[in-house]
Amino acid sequence: MAQQAAAAPNAQADVVTKALDLLASLPIKGRAPKTGYDRALFG
């Protein structure tokens, strides 16, 4: 059982690393245009 518990953090770290790599590959397009949106109008 000790081996399974030790393997779980490594597997989780691999998943986190892969997720961060995928997020880093997404393009950042900048700010959205100002369209006069007023959040108060939508609650």
PDB file of N, CA and C in Angstrom:
ATOM      1  N   MET A   1       0.809  -1.198   0.000  1.00  0.00           N
ATOM      2  CA  MET A   1       0.000   0.000   0.000  1.00  0.00           C
ATOM      3  C   MET A   1       0.849   1.257   0.000  1.00  0.00           C
ATOM      4  N   ALA A   2       2.001   1.215   0.628  1.00  0.00           N
ATOM      5  CA  ALA A   2       2.864   2.395   0.693  1.00  0.00           C
ATOM      6  C   ALA A   2       3.327   2.794  -0.702  1.00  0.00           C
ATOM      7  N   GLN A   3       3.521   1.824  -1.586  1.00  0.00           N
ATOM      8  CA  GLN A   3       3.960   2.136  -2.942  1.00  0.00           C
ATOM      9  C   GLN A   3       2.860   2.847  -3.726  1.00  0.00           C
ATOM     10  N   GLN A   4       1.619   2.451  -3.541  1.00  0.00           N
ATOM     11  CA  GLN A   4       0.509   3.109  -4.229  1.00  0.00           C
ATOM     12  C   GLN A   4       0.362   4.550  -3.767  1.00  0.00           C
ATOM     13  N   ALA A   5       0.508   4.778  -2.486  1.00  0.00           N
ATOM     14  CA  ALA A   5       0.385   6.131  -1.948  1.00  0.00           C
ATOM     15  C   ALA A   5       1.505   7.014  -2.474  1.00  0.00           C
ATOM     16  N   ALA A   6       2.692   6.453  -2.643  1.00  0.00           N
ATOM     17  CA  ALA A   6       3.824   7.228  -3.149  1.00  0.00           C
ATOM     18  C   ALA A   6       3.656   7.530  -4.638  1.00  0.00           C
ATOM     19  N   ALA A   7       3.002   6.652  -5.364  1.00  0.00           N
ATOM     20  CA  ALA A   7       2.839   6.854  -6.807  1.00  0.00           C
ATOM     21  C   ALA A   7       1.776   7.903  -7.114  1.00  0.00           C
ATOM     22  N   ALA A   8       0.804   8.050  -6.265  1.00  0.00           N
ATOM     23  CA  ALA A   8      -0.296   8.975  -6.529  1.00  0.00           C
ATOM     24  C   ALA A   8       0.171  10.427  -6.661  1.00  0.00           C
ATOM     25  N   PRO A   9       1.013  10.952  -5.779  1.00  0.00           N
ATOM     26  CA  PRO A   9       1.454  12.341  -5.948  1.00  0.00           C
ATOM     27  C   PRO A   9       2.218  12.553  -7.254  1.00  0.00           C
ATOM     28  N   ASN A  10       3.019  11.571  -7.680  1.00  0.00           N
ATOM     29  CA  ASN A  10       3.743  11.701  -8.941  1.00  0.00           C
ATOM     30  C   ASN A  10       2.784  11.751 -10.118  1.00  0.00           C
ATOM     31  N   ALA A  11       1.755  10.911 -10.102  1.00  0.00           N
ATOM     32  CA  ALA A  11       0.773  10.906 -11.177  1.00  0.00           C
ATOM     33  C   ALA A  11       0.023  12.231 -11.202  1.00  0.00           C
ATOM     34  N   GLN A  12      -0.308  12.734 -10.040  1.00  0.00           N
ATOM     35  CA  GLN A  12      -1.010  14.011  -9.968  1.00  0.00           C
ATOM     36  C   GLN A  12      -0.111  15.139 -10.461  1.00  0.00           C
ATOM     37  N   ALA A  13       1.158  15.105 -10.118  1.00  0.00           N
ATOM     38  CA  ALA A  13       2.098  16.126 -10.572  1.00  0.00           C
ATOM     39  C   ALA A  13       2.212  16.097 -12.095  1.00  0.00           C
ATOM     40  N   ASP A  14       2.182  14.903 -12.696  1.00  0.00           N
ATOM     41  CA  ASP A  14       2.241  14.790 -14.156  1.00  0.00           C
ATOM     42  C   ASP A  14       1.012  15.429 -14.795  1.00  0.00           C
ATOM     43  N   VAL A  15      -0.150  15.202 -14.204  1.00  0.00           N
ATOM     44  CA  VAL A  15      -1.390  15.777 -14.734  1.00  0.00           C
ATOM     45  C   VAL A  15      -1.350  17.306 -14.625  1.00  0.00           C
ATOM     46  N   VAL A  16      -0.880  17.803 -13.486  1.00  0.00           N
ATOM     47  CA  VAL A  16      -0.788  19.248 -13.288  1.00  0.00           C
ATOM     48  C   VAL A  16       0.193  19.855 -14.280  1.00  0.00           C
ATOM     49  N   THR A  17       1.323  19.217 -14.485  1.00  0.00           N
ATOM     50  CA  THR A  17       2.316  19.714 -15.437  1.00  0.00           C
ATOM     51  C   THR A  17       1.742  19.753 -16.841  1.00  0.00           C
ATOM     52  N   LYS A  18       1.033  18.715 -17.231  1.00  0.00           N
ATOM     53  CA  LYS A  18       0.436  18.672 -18.567  1.00  0.00           C
ATOM     54  C   LYS A  18      -0.611  19.770 -18.719  1.00  0.00           C
ATOM     55  N   ALA A  19      -1.429  19.983 -17.693  1.00  0.00           N
ATOM     56  CA  ALA A  19      -2.459  21.020 -17.745  1.00  0.00           C
ATOM     57  C   ALA A  19      -1.817  22.399 -17.871  1.00  0.00           C
ATOM     58  N   LEU A  20      -0.759  22.643 -17.115  1.00  0.00           N
ATOM     59  CA  LEU A  20      -0.084  23.942 -17.195  1.00  0.00           C
ATOM     60  C   LEU A  20       0.558  24.148 -18.559  1.00  0.00           C
ATOM     61  N   ASP A  21       1.120  23.094 -19.140  1.00  0.00           N
ATOM     62  CA  ASP A  21       1.694  23.200 -20.484  1.00  0.00           C
ATOM     63  C   ASP A  21       0.619  23.527 -21.517  1.00  0.00           C
ATOM     64  N   LEU A  22      -0.556  22.884 -21.387  1.00  0.00           N
ATOM     65  CA  LEU A  22      -1.647  23.170 -22.317  1.00  0.00           C
ATOM     66  C   LEU A  22      -2.145  24.609 -22.160  1.00  0.00           C
ATOM     67  N   LEU A  23      -2.257  25.078 -20.934  1.00  0.00           N
ATOM     68  CA  LEU A  23      -2.684  26.459 -20.703  1.00  0.00           C
ATOM     69  C   LEU A  23      -1.675  27.450 -21.272  1.00  0.00           C
ATOM     70  N   ALA A  24      -0.402  27.138 -21.151  1.00  0.00           N
ATOM     71  CA  ALA A  24       0.643  28.028 -21.664  1.00  0.00           C
ATOM     72  C   ALA A  24       0.603  28.099 -23.189  1.00  0.00           C
ATOM     73  N   SER A  25       0.038  27.089 -23.846  1.00  0.00           N
ATOM     74  CA  SER A  25      -0.003  27.079 -25.309  1.00  0.00           C
ATOM     75  C   SER A  25      -1.178  27.884 -25.877  1.00  0.00           C
ATOM     76  N   LEU A  26      -2.129  28.287 -25.023  1.00  0.00           N
ATOM     77  CA  LEU A  26      -3.269  29.063 -25.503  1.00  0.00           C
ATOM     78  C   LEU A  26      -2.845  30.489 -25.833  1.00  0.00           C
ATOM     79  N   PRO A  27      -3.329  31.031 -26.960  1.00  0.00           N
ATOM     80  CA  PRO A  27      -2.969  32.402 -27.301  1.00  0.00           C
ATOM     81  C   PRO A  27      -3.687  33.403 -26.394  1.00  0.00           C
ATOM     82  N   ILE A  28      -3.001  34.474 -26.072  1.00  0.00           N
ATOM     83  CA  ILE A  28      -3.593  35.554 -25.290  1.00  0.00           C
ATOM     84  C   ILE A  28      -3.891  36.680 -26.268  1.00  0.00           C
ATOM     85  N   LYS A  29      -5.150  37.059 -26.367  1.00  0.00           N
ATOM     86  CA  LYS A  29      -5.576  37.996 -27.402  1.00  0.00           C
ATOM     87  C   LYS A  29      -5.718  39.424 -26.905  1.00  0.00           C
ATOM     88  N   GLY A  30      -5.524  39.680 -25.651  1.00  0.00           N
ATOM     89  CA  GLY A  30      -5.615  41.037 -25.144  1.00  0.00           C
ATOM     90  C   GLY A  30      -6.980  41.344 -24.554  1.00  0.00           C
ATOM     91  N   ARG A  31      -7.200  42.621 -24.328  1.00  0.00           N
ATOM     92  CA  ARG A  31      -8.434  43.057 -23.678  1.00  0.00           C
ATOM     93  C   ARG A  31      -9.607  43.028 -24.643  1.00  0.00           C
ATOM     94  N   ALA A  32     -10.777  42.852 -24.087  1.00  0.00           N
ATOM     95  CA  ALA A  32     -11.999  42.873 -24.881  1.00  0.00           C
ATOM     96  C   ALA A  32     -12.349  44.319 -25.230  1.00  0.00           C
ATOM     97  N   PRO A  33     -13.080  44.531 -26.310  1.00  0.00           N
ATOM     98  CA  PRO A  33     -13.469  45.896 -26.664  1.00  0.00           C
ATOM     99  C   PRO A  33     -14.447  46.478 -25.649  1.00  0.00           C
ATOM    100  N   LYS A  34     -14.398  47.764 -25.483  1.00  0.00           N
ATOM    101  CA  LYS A  34     -15.336  48.436 -24.576  1.00  0.00           C
ATOM    102  C   LYS A  34     -16.619  48.697 -25.352  1.00  0.00           C
ATOM    103  N   THR A  35     -17.689  48.030 -24.946  1.00  0.00           N
ATOM    104  CA  THR A  35     -18.944  48.098 -25.687  1.00  0.00           C
ATOM    105  C   THR A  35     -20.045  48.813 -24.927  1.00  0.00           C
ATOM    106  N   GLY A  36     -19.702  49.422 -23.799  1.00  0.00           N
ATOM    107  CA  GLY A  36     -20.730  50.075 -23.009  1.00  0.00           C
ATOM    108  C   GLY A  36     -21.470  49.127 -22.087  1.00  0.00           C
ATOM    109  N   TYR A  37     -20.955  47.920 -21.922  1.00  0.00           N
ATOM    110  CA  TYR A  37     -21.567  46.925 -21.040  1.00  0.00           C
ATOM    111  C   TYR A  37     -21.554  47.437 -19.612  1.00  0.00           C
ATOM    112  N   ASP A  38     -22.699  47.357 -18.971  1.00  0.00           N
ATOM    113  CA  ASP A  38     -22.803  47.749 -17.569  1.00  0.00           C
ATOM    114  C   ASP A  38     -23.269  46.560 -16.780  1.00  0.00           C
ATOM    115  N   ARG A  39     -22.411  46.047 -15.955  1.00  0.00           N
ATOM    116  CA  ARG A  39     -22.729  44.829 -15.214  1.00  0.00           C
ATOM    117  C   ARG A  39     -23.974  44.996 -14.351  1.00  0.00           C
ATOM    118  N   ALA A  40     -24.224  46.179 -13.867  1.00  0.00           N
ATOM    119  CA  ALA A  40     -25.382  46.425 -13.004  1.00  0.00           C
ATOM    120  C   ALA A  40     -26.708  46.127 -13.733  1.00  0.00           C
ATOM    121  N   LEU A  41     -26.703  46.230 -15.048  1.00  0.00           N
ATOM    122  CA  LEU A  41     -27.930  45.953 -15.810  1.00  0.00           C
ATOM    123  C   LEU A  41     -28.314  44.478 -15.768  1.00  0.00           C
ATOM    124  N   PHE A  42     -27.354  43.611 -15.466  1.00  0.00           N
ATOM    125  CA  PHE A  42     -27.596  42.168 -15.513  1.00  0.00           C
ATOM    126  C   PHE A  42     -27.609  41.529 -14.135  1.00  0.00           C
ATOM    127  N   GLY A  43     -27.624  42.320 -13.091  1.00  0.00           N
ATOM    128  CA  GLY A  43     -27.712  41.775 -11.740  1.00  0.00           C
ATOM    129  C   GLY A  43     -26.406  41.434 -11.225  1.00  0.00           C
TER     130      GLY A  43
END
